[in-house]
Amino acid sequence: MTSYVAVYDDTESDAALPATRRLVEIHRALGVAATFGIVTEKLESDRALARAYHELLCDGIEDGLFEVVPHSHTHATFFDHDTLGEGIALEQAQEEIRRSKRLVEEIFEKSVLGFRSPNGYFGGWARQPQLLQTLGEEGFSFLSSFLMGPGDTVPAPLTQPFYYSEAGYPNPASL
């Protein structure tokens, strides 16, 4: 069996809306599901842009073709990264999670289940129990964060889903 995993993010780019329109068109034509990770800063300050994303994605959300998840508020590097450098303060990362969730739910008028990590980390967020706790407190049931291979290589290896059991989250209901 062939699997296709489509996740699109980085909506902070000016080219993102036209690209998203084209991606939506392709996914609708093929009937293939996709997840869109939304960076909320630009949508918070530009309500016309937020409405455009709402109009573009909401029908797909309602018919189960699309999922929309927060991809942070500003796309900051949440914690130290071998390639990208020093991360932001823990409190700022927690606020990025909370704020982006609130705004995605407000803009798309639907609860979100998951969070798409800004940047990628080999092994995901396994060494970030405080951020995992924040995700759990916010009600997220999944985290997409394993976005790089060893030594920050791209693409990340395709692996089966895993849980953050060793970090204190033994099942998907708790993250």
Foldseek 3Di string as FASTA:
>chain_A
DDDDAAEEEDCVDPCNLVVLLVVLVVCVVVVAAYEYAYQAQVCVVPVVVLQSVLVRCQVCVVVVRYAYAHAFHHLFAQAADPPPGGGDDNVNRLVRRVVRQVRVCVSNVDHHAEYEYRAADQVFCLVPLVSLQSCLVVFHLYYHHHQADPPRHPGGDDDDDDFSVVSPTNHSRSD
